[in-house]
Amino acid sequence: MAGADFFAMKLRSIVTLIALVSLLVVACGRGEVSPGRWEAMSSDEKTLIVRALLGAETVAARKGGTNAKYSGTADDYVARIDAVYQRGDDRTVEGIWPELADPE
């Protein structure tokens, strides 16, 4: 019985590890957001994308990698990105993002 319990515990540990690694890969995989994909997103999804971009900027600033400042709210940036796409821009969200920084 002890051997079976040990095997079951090891198996659960391996399955848990695989699940965590898979989750990490999915969470960290950052694809670019095309205009079509942006337009198809819900407001909540757009806000989540912008929050991720704001978080990445905060991390980069703390590491000394950027001087860009983003003082607006996520909703402000969503509206500004929407406005850029309404003017017919075909860049990705990541391509538009740097121009949304506060003026220096």
Protein backbone atom coordinates (compact mmCIF):
# COMPACT_ATOMS: atom_id res chain seq x y z
CA MET A 1 0.00 0.00 0.00
CA ALA A 2 2.78 2.46 0.86
CA GLY A 3 4.27 2.03 -2.61
CA ALA A 4 0.95 2.81 -4.28
CA ASP A 5 0.51 5.93 -2.15
CA PHE A 6 4.01 7.09 -3.04
CA PHE A 7 3.34 6.51 -6.76
CA ALA A 8 0.01 8.38 -6.58
CA MET A 9 1.68 11.30 -4.79
CA LYS A 10 4.47 11.44 -7.40
CA LEU A 11 1.95 11.28 -10.24
CA ARG A 12 -0.10 14.13 -8.74
CA SER A 13 3.08 16.19 -8.35
CA ILE A 14 4.06 15.62 -11.97
CA VAL A 15 0.56 16.45 -13.25
CA THR A 16 0.49 19.61 -11.11
CA LEU A 17 3.91 20.67 -12.39
CA ILE A 18 2.87 20.13 -16.02
CA ALA A 19 -0.32 22.13 -15.44
CA LEU A 20 1.60 25.01 -13.86
CA VAL A 21 4.20 25.10 -16.62
CA SER A 22 1.45 25.05 -19.26
CA LEU A 23 -0.36 27.90 -17.51
CA LEU A 24 2.87 29.90 -17.34
CA VAL A 25 3.55 29.40 -21.04
CA VAL A 26 0.02 30.49 -21.98
CA ALA A 27 0.06 33.47 -19.62
CA CYS A 28 3.44 34.73 -20.76
CA GLY A 29 2.90 34.17 -24.45
CA ARG A 30 2.14 37.64 -25.70
CA GLY A 31 0.89 37.85 -29.22
CA GLU A 32 0.42 41.07 -31.08
CA VAL A 33 -3.07 42.49 -31.26
CA SER A 34 -4.08 43.33 -34.83
CA PRO A 35 -6.70 45.96 -35.66
CA GLY A 36 -9.21 43.24 -36.56
CA ARG A 37 -8.61 41.37 -33.35
CA TRP A 38 -8.90 44.61 -31.34
CA GLU A 39 -12.21 45.50 -32.99
CA ALA A 40 -13.60 42.04 -32.20
CA MET A 41 -12.70 42.27 -28.50
CA SER A 42 -15.11 43.18 -25.75
CA SER A 43 -14.49 46.29 -23.68
CA ASP A 44 -13.24 44.12 -20.81
CA GLU A 45 -10.75 42.33 -23.07
CA LYS A 46 -9.43 45.63 -24.42
CA THR A 47 -9.02 46.95 -20.87
CA LEU A 48 -7.12 43.79 -19.91
CA ILE A 49 -4.73 44.22 -22.86
CA VAL A 50 -4.09 47.86 -21.92
CA ARG A 51 -3.53 46.94 -18.26
CA ALA A 52 -0.97 44.37 -19.38
CA LEU A 53 0.79 47.03 -21.46
CA LEU A 54 0.74 49.47 -18.53
CA GLY A 55 2.16 46.77 -16.27
CA ALA A 56 4.93 46.01 -18.76
CA GLU A 57 5.81 49.73 -18.87
CA THR A 58 5.94 49.88 -15.07
CA VAL A 59 8.30 46.91 -14.95
CA ALA A 60 10.50 48.35 -17.71
CA ALA A 61 10.66 51.73 -15.95
CA ARG A 62 11.69 50.12 -12.67
CA LYS A 63 14.44 48.25 -14.47
CA GLY A 64 15.61 51.50 -16.06
CA GLY A 65 14.63 50.40 -19.54
CA THR A 66 12.25 53.19 -20.47
CA ASN A 67 11.50 56.80 -19.72
CA ALA A 68 7.98 56.68 -21.14
CA LYS A 69 5.26 57.76 -18.76
CA TYR A 70 1.66 56.62 -18.95
CA SER A 71 -0.46 58.55 -16.45
CA GLY A 72 -3.91 57.88 -17.94
CA THR A 73 -6.34 55.18 -16.93
CA ALA A 74 -6.74 51.94 -18.86
CA ASP A 75 -10.12 53.20 -20.13
CA ASP A 76 -8.46 56.38 -21.44
CA TYR A 77 -5.97 54.34 -23.45
CA VAL A 78 -8.67 52.01 -24.77
CA ALA A 79 -10.59 55.04 -26.06
CA ARG A 80 -7.44 56.48 -27.65
CA ILE A 81 -6.61 53.19 -29.37
CA ASP A 82 -10.21 52.93 -30.61
CA ALA A 83 -9.89 56.48 -32.01
CA VAL A 84 -6.65 55.59 -33.83
CA TYR A 85 -8.34 52.59 -35.45
CA GLN A 86 -11.39 54.68 -36.40
CA ARG A 87 -9.02 56.91 -38.39
CA GLY A 88 -7.98 53.84 -40.41
CA ASP A 89 -4.62 53.00 -38.84
CA ASP A 90 -3.53 49.43 -39.55
CA ARG A 91 -0.72 49.02 -37.02
CA THR A 92 -0.93 46.57 -34.13
CA VAL A 93 -1.83 47.83 -30.67
CA GLU A 94 1.82 47.38 -29.70
CA GLY A 95 2.81 49.57 -32.65
CA ILE A 96 0.45 52.32 -31.55
CA TRP A 97 1.28 52.09 -27.84
CA PRO A 98 4.52 54.14 -27.73
CA GLU A 99 2.84 57.21 -29.21
CA LEU A 100 0.27 57.17 -26.40
CA ALA A 101 2.92 57.96 -23.77
CA ASP A 102 2.73 61.29 -21.97
CA PRO A 103 4.69 64.09 -23.65
CA GLU A 104 8.07 64.62 -22.03
